[in-house]
Amino acid sequence: MAGISVRRSLALAVAALLAAGVVAGCAHRGAAAPLVTAGTLPSASGTLGCGQHRATGSLQYTVTVGGRPRVVIVHVPAGYTGSAKVALVLNLHGSESTARTQEKFSGMDAVADKDGFIVAYPQALIPGGTGYDWNVAGEPLIDGSLPPASAASDVTFLTRLVADLAGRYCINPHRIYATGMSGGGRMASQLACDASRTFAAVAPVAGLRFASPCPGSRAVPVIAFHGTADPIDPFNGHGKPYWTYSVPAAARLWAGHDHCAARPQLTSGSGYLRTAYAGCAGRAAVELYAIRREGHEWPGGPPMPAAITGVLGPQSDALNANSLMWAFFEAHPLP
C-alpha cells in the first residue's frame, strides 16, 4: 500500500500539471525533453526514467511550472548508468542566494558521487538581494515583508519537479529527500508538512521550523544542524519575524508530531551536542545537532570565498552534515 501511496502522490501532481496545460519537462541548455504523463509515472517496479542514457556531472535545466520558467541544477553522480533506481535529494539554497551558490556552499556533489545518489539544486523565484527567496507559506521574507500575493507556490514547484525528474532519471520513489540552508531549511521543513507522502525525510541546516498548521499526518524523519552562535537565525530564537522560537523548541514540536518518546537522548561530541528523539511512530526519528560556537553555516562544507564567509561565517569542521544526513536518509526510506 505504501508504494501505491507514493505513486498516487506523484501521479496527482503530474495530472494536475497536465490539466493546467503546463509543460513540466526539463530542457538542458534549451534542448527539448519528453513530457512526463500521469500514465507513465514510475512505480516501485516501474522504469520510466530507467534505461535512458544520461550524462553525469552538473547540468542546468529550465522547468516551466504554472507558466513560469524555473532554474534547477541537477548533479548526476559519476558511475550513474540509469539501470538501477537511485535516491534523489533536493538541496535548497538560502534566502537571497542561488542554486549555483548552494551547490558550491554545501559541497554535496562529492557525497552524491561517492554514494551514488542524484542531487538537484532548485532555485527560488522571489527576487531578494543578489539572489532569490523561497515562498514559505504564511511566513515573512527576511526583510519582514510577506511574499507577494502573486508569488508561485514553491511546494507545488518542488513536488512537480520531483515528478519531472522521475521521468528523466531512474529515481527510487521511496528515497526522495529534501535539505536546505537557512531559508531553504525552512522550505524543507514546510515540505515535510505539506508533501510528506513525497519526501521520505528532511534535513534542514540552520533553518529548522515546524509549520503551523502542519497538515501531514505521517511521522516524518527529521535531522537538523544548527550553530549555537548563529547571528542570522539565532539558536535560541527571538530573531526576525520569521524566526521567533528556538531550534530545540522546533525539534520538540517535530518529536511531538512524530509521536516520539518525550525524553530525548543527549550525546556530546567534539564541538557538538546531539539531541535524538526515538520511539517515534512509523520508525521515524528526530535528531538535532547543535554545533557549539559556530555561526550561520553548512557544517563540514568546503571553504568559501571571503565574500560569502564574511557574511555567513566560517564552515565548521566539528562534523560533516552531508555524511550524517545521507546516513540518516539511507536509514529512512518512505514506508
Protein backbone atom coordinates (compact mmCIF):
# COMPACT_ATOMS: atom_id res chain seq x y z
CA MET A 1 0.00 0.00 0.00
CA ALA A 2 2.92 2.40 0.69
CA GLY A 3 4.14 2.06 -2.89
CA ILE A 4 0.65 2.85 -4.15
CA SER A 5 0.54 5.99 -1.99
CA VAL A 6 3.85 7.20 -3.39
CA ARG A 7 2.78 6.55 -6.97
CA ARG A 8 -0.57 8.24 -6.39
CA SER A 9 1.12 11.32 -4.90
CA LEU A 10 3.36 11.71 -7.91
CA ALA A 11 0.56 10.90 -10.33
CA LEU A 12 -1.76 13.52 -8.83
CA ALA A 13 0.94 16.18 -9.11
CA VAL A 14 1.59 15.47 -12.76
CA ALA A 15 -2.10 15.02 -13.59
CA ALA A 16 -2.78 18.49 -12.18
CA LEU A 17 0.14 19.83 -14.18
CA LEU A 18 -1.20 18.37 -17.41
CA ALA A 19 -4.74 19.52 -16.67
CA ALA A 20 -3.43 23.06 -16.33
CA GLY A 21 -1.74 22.74 -19.69
CA VAL A 22 1.69 23.27 -18.19
CA VAL A 23 4.77 21.63 -19.68
CA ALA A 24 6.90 20.37 -16.82
CA GLY A 25 9.57 18.69 -18.92
CA CYS A 26 13.17 19.69 -18.30
CA ALA A 27 15.35 21.09 -21.02
CA HIS A 28 19.14 21.03 -20.92
CA ARG A 29 20.51 24.22 -22.45
CA GLY A 30 17.26 24.71 -24.35
CA ALA A 31 17.02 21.19 -25.81
CA ALA A 32 13.61 19.55 -25.99
CA ALA A 33 12.74 16.88 -23.43
CA PRO A 34 9.95 14.30 -23.25
CA LEU A 35 6.79 15.28 -21.39
CA VAL A 36 6.03 13.25 -18.27
CA THR A 37 2.48 11.89 -18.37
CA ALA A 38 0.45 10.54 -15.49
CA GLY A 39 0.03 7.22 -17.28
CA THR A 40 3.78 6.67 -17.48
CA LEU A 41 4.88 7.66 -13.99
CA PRO A 42 7.37 5.32 -12.34
CA SER A 43 6.17 2.91 -9.66
CA ALA A 44 8.14 0.86 -7.18
CA SER A 45 8.86 -1.54 -10.04
CA GLY A 46 8.40 0.89 -12.97
CA THR A 47 11.09 2.05 -15.34
CA LEU A 48 10.03 5.42 -16.79
CA GLY A 49 13.36 7.13 -16.18
CA CYS A 50 15.37 3.91 -16.17
CA GLY A 51 17.33 2.57 -19.09
CA GLN A 52 17.94 6.04 -20.53
CA HIS A 53 21.50 7.24 -21.03
CA ARG A 54 22.17 10.50 -19.18
CA ALA A 55 25.36 12.49 -18.86
CA THR A 56 26.98 12.59 -15.44
CA GLY A 57 28.11 15.76 -13.70
CA SER A 58 26.20 19.01 -13.14
CA LEU A 59 23.67 20.16 -15.73
CA GLN A 60 21.44 23.24 -15.63
CA TYR A 61 17.81 22.83 -16.67
CA THR A 62 14.76 25.03 -17.05
CA VAL A 63 11.48 23.66 -15.72
CA THR A 64 8.29 25.51 -16.62
CA VAL A 65 5.63 25.26 -13.91
CA GLY A 66 2.50 27.40 -13.91
CA GLY A 67 3.80 29.29 -16.92
CA ARG A 68 6.95 30.35 -15.05
CA PRO A 69 10.42 29.12 -16.04
CA ARG A 70 12.33 27.77 -13.04
CA VAL A 71 16.04 27.03 -12.82
CA VAL A 72 17.39 23.78 -11.41
CA ILE A 73 20.91 22.36 -11.40
CA VAL A 74 20.99 18.55 -11.39
CA HIS A 75 24.14 16.70 -10.37
CA VAL A 76 24.22 13.14 -11.67
CA PRO A 77 26.79 11.02 -9.83
CA ALA A 78 29.80 9.55 -11.54
CA GLY A 79 29.03 5.97 -12.45
CA TYR A 80 25.30 6.55 -12.99
CA THR A 81 24.04 4.11 -15.64
CA GLY A 82 20.27 4.55 -15.50
CA SER A 83 19.83 0.81 -14.98
CA ALA A 84 19.23 0.91 -11.20
CA LYS A 85 16.91 3.17 -9.20
CA VAL A 86 18.78 5.77 -7.14
CA ALA A 87 17.82 8.25 -4.43
CA LEU A 88 17.05 11.91 -5.15
CA VAL A 89 17.91 14.77 -2.79
CA LEU A 90 16.59 18.30 -3.31
CA ASN A 91 19.12 20.78 -1.86
CA LEU A 92 17.58 24.24 -1.39
CA HIS A 93 19.61 27.46 -1.23
CA GLY A 94 19.25 30.08 1.47
CA SER A 95 17.46 33.41 1.25
CA GLU A 96 18.97 35.89 -1.23
CA SER A 97 21.07 33.10 -2.71
CA THR A 98 21.07 30.92 -5.83
CA ALA A 99 21.15 27.29 -6.89
CA ARG A 100 24.76 27.61 -8.10
CA THR A 101 25.91 29.12 -4.81
CA GLN A 102 24.20 26.33 -2.85
CA GLU A 103 25.90 23.68 -4.95
CA LYS A 104 29.29 25.17 -4.07
CA PHE A 105 28.41 26.12 -0.47
CA SER A 106 27.08 22.73 0.60
CA GLY A 107 29.66 20.58 -1.17
CA MET A 108 27.10 17.80 -1.61
CA ASP A 109 28.22 16.79 -5.11
CA ALA A 110 31.18 14.88 -3.67
CA VAL A 111 28.94 12.83 -1.37
CA ALA A 112 26.50 12.19 -4.24
CA ASP A 113 29.38 10.87 -6.37
CA LYS A 114 30.65 8.70 -3.53
CA ASP A 115 27.29 7.24 -2.51
CA GLY A 116 25.56 7.21 -5.87
CA PHE A 117 22.52 9.49 -5.48
CA ILE A 118 21.24 12.38 -7.61
CA VAL A 119 21.17 15.83 -6.03
CA ALA A 120 19.11 18.66 -7.51
CA TYR A 121 19.56 22.34 -6.63
CA PRO A 122 16.33 24.21 -7.46
CA GLN A 123 16.21 28.00 -7.49
CA ALA A 124 13.59 30.16 -5.81
CA LEU A 125 11.74 32.89 -7.70
CA ILE A 126 11.15 35.88 -5.39
CA PRO A 127 13.97 38.42 -6.01
CA GLY A 128 15.97 39.24 -2.91
CA GLY A 129 19.39 40.83 -2.54
CA THR A 130 21.74 39.22 -5.07
CA GLY A 131 19.59 36.09 -5.32
CA TYR A 132 16.12 34.75 -4.61
CA ASP A 133 13.83 33.89 -1.67
CA TRP A 134 11.52 30.90 -1.16
CA ASN A 135 7.78 31.32 -0.67
CA VAL A 136 7.37 29.61 2.71
CA ALA A 137 3.60 29.58 3.23
CA GLY A 138 2.39 32.31 5.61
CA GLU A 139 5.90 33.32 6.69
CA PRO A 140 7.59 36.72 6.18
CA LEU A 141 10.64 37.15 3.98
CA ILE A 142 13.92 38.15 5.60
CA ASP A 143 13.09 41.85 5.16
CA GLY A 144 9.91 41.34 7.19
CA SER A 145 7.50 41.70 4.26
CA LEU A 146 5.14 38.93 3.21
CA PRO A 147 5.66 37.17 -0.13
CA PRO A 148 3.77 38.88 -2.96
CA ALA A 149 0.22 37.63 -3.46
CA SER A 150 1.21 36.63 -6.98
CA ALA A 151 4.19 34.56 -5.79
CA ALA A 152 4.29 31.00 -7.09
CA SER A 153 3.72 28.14 -4.66
CA ASP A 154 7.12 26.58 -4.08
CA VAL A 155 5.56 23.46 -2.55
CA THR A 156 3.83 22.95 -5.90
CA PHE A 157 7.02 23.68 -7.83
CA LEU A 158 9.19 21.32 -5.79
CA THR A 159 6.75 18.41 -5.80
CA ARG A 160 6.25 18.78 -9.55
CA LEU A 161 10.00 18.96 -10.01
CA VAL A 162 10.26 15.56 -8.33
CA ALA A 163 7.75 14.10 -10.80
CA ASP A 164 9.60 15.73 -13.67
CA LEU A 165 12.99 14.34 -12.64
CA ALA A 166 11.43 10.92 -12.11
CA GLY A 167 10.53 10.97 -15.80
CA ARG A 168 14.09 11.72 -16.84
CA TYR A 169 16.19 9.75 -14.35
CA CYS A 170 15.95 6.35 -12.71
CA ILE A 171 14.60 7.57 -9.36
CA ASN A 172 13.55 5.37 -6.45
CA PRO A 173 10.16 6.82 -5.37
CA HIS A 174 10.74 5.56 -1.81
CA ARG A 175 14.00 7.53 -1.49
CA ILE A 176 13.24 11.18 -2.20
CA TYR A 177 14.59 13.66 0.36
CA ALA A 178 14.93 17.41 0.96
CA THR A 179 17.55 19.52 2.67
CA GLY A 180 18.34 23.21 2.57
CA MET A 181 20.28 26.08 4.10
CA SER A 182 18.59 28.78 6.21
CA GLY A 183 15.57 29.89 4.14
CA GLY A 184 16.00 26.65 2.21
CA GLY A 185 15.91 24.79 5.53
CA ARG A 186 12.63 26.50 6.37
CA MET A 187 11.33 25.49 2.94
CA ALA A 188 12.42 21.88 3.55
CA SER A 189 10.59 22.00 6.90
CA GLN A 190 7.48 23.13 5.03
CA LEU A 191 7.79 20.24 2.56
CA ALA A 192 7.82 17.80 5.48
CA CYS A 193 4.36 19.05 6.42
CA ASP A 194 2.83 19.73 3.01
CA ALA A 195 4.38 16.91 0.95
CA SER A 196 5.08 14.17 3.48
CA ARG A 197 3.94 11.48 1.04
CA THR A 198 6.58 12.55 -1.46
CA PHE A 199 9.60 13.32 0.75
CA ALA A 200 10.76 10.41 2.89
CA ALA A 201 12.83 12.59 5.27
CA VAL A 202 14.19 16.13 5.56
CA ALA A 203 17.40 17.69 6.85
CA PRO A 204 17.16 21.46 7.48
CA VAL A 205 20.51 23.24 8.04
CA ALA A 206 20.33 26.49 10.03
CA GLY A 207 16.60 26.60 9.32
CA LEU A 208 14.56 24.00 11.26
CA ARG A 209 10.94 25.10 11.76
CA PHE A 210 7.59 23.38 12.35
CA ALA A 211 4.82 24.64 10.09
CA SER A 212 1.56 25.65 11.74
CA PRO A 213 -0.74 24.20 10.71
CA CYS A 214 1.05 21.03 9.65
CA PRO A 215 -1.49 19.13 7.53
CA GLY A 216 0.59 16.00 7.05
CA SER A 217 -0.31 13.17 9.42
CA ARG A 218 2.65 10.96 8.56
CA ALA A 219 5.55 10.81 11.03
CA VAL A 220 8.41 12.38 9.05
CA PRO A 221 12.04 11.61 9.96
CA VAL A 222 13.92 14.88 10.58
CA ILE A 223 17.60 15.57 11.12
CA ALA A 224 18.76 19.16 11.65
CA PHE A 225 22.04 21.06 12.09
CA HIS A 226 22.43 24.50 13.67
CA GLY A 227 25.25 26.61 15.08
CA THR A 228 24.71 27.85 18.62
CA ALA A 229 26.30 31.22 17.71
CA ASP A 230 24.19 31.75 14.57
CA PRO A 231 23.60 35.54 14.32
CA ILE A 232 21.06 35.31 11.47
CA ASP A 233 18.73 32.56 12.70
CA PRO A 234 19.56 32.54 16.44
CA PHE A 235 19.71 29.11 18.05
CA ASN A 236 17.62 30.33 20.99
CA GLY A 237 15.07 32.13 18.83
CA HIS A 238 14.00 35.77 19.23
CA GLY A 239 15.17 36.67 15.74
CA LYS A 240 13.40 38.25 12.79
CA PRO A 241 9.61 37.90 12.32
CA TYR A 242 10.02 34.53 10.59
CA TRP A 243 12.27 33.28 13.44
CA THR A 244 10.59 33.53 16.83
CA TYR A 245 11.03 30.27 18.79
CA SER A 246 14.24 28.33 19.42
CA VAL A 247 15.71 25.48 17.39
CA PRO A 248 15.35 22.98 20.29
CA ALA A 249 11.66 24.01 20.50
CA ALA A 250 11.28 23.23 16.79
CA ALA A 251 12.83 19.80 17.35
CA ARG A 252 10.40 19.17 20.24
CA LEU A 253 7.47 20.14 18.04
CA TRP A 254 8.57 17.65 15.38
CA ALA A 255 9.07 14.99 18.06
CA GLY A 256 5.51 15.60 19.25
CA HIS A 257 4.17 15.45 15.71
CA ASP A 258 6.03 12.16 15.13
CA HIS A 259 4.80 10.74 18.47
CA CYS A 260 8.33 10.18 19.73
CA ALA A 261 9.37 9.45 23.30
CA ALA A 262 9.20 12.61 25.39
CA ARG A 263 12.76 12.36 26.74
CA PRO A 264 15.50 12.63 24.11
CA GLN A 265 18.93 11.03 24.30
CA LEU A 266 21.75 13.57 24.58
CA THR A 267 25.19 12.76 23.18
CA SER A 268 28.08 15.21 23.47
CA GLY A 269 30.76 15.04 20.78
CA SER A 270 33.77 17.13 19.85
CA GLY A 271 32.24 20.52 19.21
CA TYR A 272 28.58 19.49 19.13
CA LEU A 273 25.62 18.21 21.15
CA ARG A 274 23.29 15.66 19.55
CA THR A 275 19.67 15.53 20.73
CA ALA A 276 17.90 12.39 19.47
CA TYR A 277 14.22 11.52 19.89
CA ALA A 278 13.48 7.80 19.44
CA GLY A 279 10.42 5.58 19.73
CA CYS A 280 8.62 7.60 17.07
CA ALA A 281 5.65 6.42 15.02
CA GLY A 282 6.36 4.73 11.71
CA ARG A 283 10.02 4.14 12.60
CA ALA A 284 10.69 7.87 12.25
CA ALA A 285 13.31 9.75 14.26
CA VAL A 286 14.08 13.37 15.12
CA GLU A 287 17.71 14.44 15.60
CA LEU A 288 19.26 17.84 16.22
CA TYR A 289 22.99 18.57 16.04
CA ALA A 290 23.85 21.79 17.88
CA ILE A 291 27.33 22.89 16.76
CA ARG A 292 28.94 24.81 19.60
CA ARG A 293 30.14 28.37 18.99
CA GLU A 294 29.53 28.14 15.25
CA GLY A 295 27.56 30.58 13.12
CA HIS A 296 25.31 30.52 10.06
CA GLU A 297 26.96 27.71 8.13
CA TRP A 298 26.83 24.33 6.43
CA PRO A 299 28.87 22.13 8.81
CA GLY A 300 31.73 20.42 7.04
CA GLY A 301 31.16 22.26 3.76
CA PRO A 302 34.07 23.35 1.55
CA PRO A 303 35.95 26.62 2.11
CA MET A 304 34.12 29.54 0.54
CA PRO A 305 35.28 32.92 -0.84
CA ALA A 306 35.57 35.78 1.63
CA ALA A 307 32.56 37.48 0.03
CA ILE A 308 30.42 34.62 1.33
CA THR A 309 32.21 33.56 4.53
CA GLY A 310 32.36 37.18 5.67
CA VAL A 311 28.57 37.17 5.87
CA LEU A 312 27.78 33.57 6.74
CA GLY A 313 30.68 32.69 8.99
CA PRO A 314 33.35 30.00 8.62
CA GLN A 315 32.40 26.42 7.85
CA SER A 316 32.59 24.12 10.87
CA ASP A 317 34.88 21.09 10.99
CA ALA A 318 33.16 19.70 14.11
CA LEU A 319 31.15 17.32 11.93
CA ASN A 320 30.17 16.75 8.33
CA ALA A 321 26.47 17.49 7.76
CA ASN A 322 26.45 15.85 4.32
CA SER A 323 27.72 12.49 5.54
CA LEU A 324 25.47 12.46 8.60
CA MET A 325 22.32 13.44 6.73
CA TRP A 326 22.97 10.90 3.98
CA ALA A 327 23.36 8.11 6.55
CA PHE A 328 20.08 9.31 8.11
CA PHE A 329 18.36 9.38 4.72
CA GLU A 330 19.56 5.86 3.89
CA ALA A 331 18.08 4.63 7.15
CA HIS A 332 14.69 6.25 6.46
CA PRO A 333 13.06 5.39 3.12
CA LEU A 334 9.41 6.16 2.57
CA PRO A 335 7.44 3.28 4.16
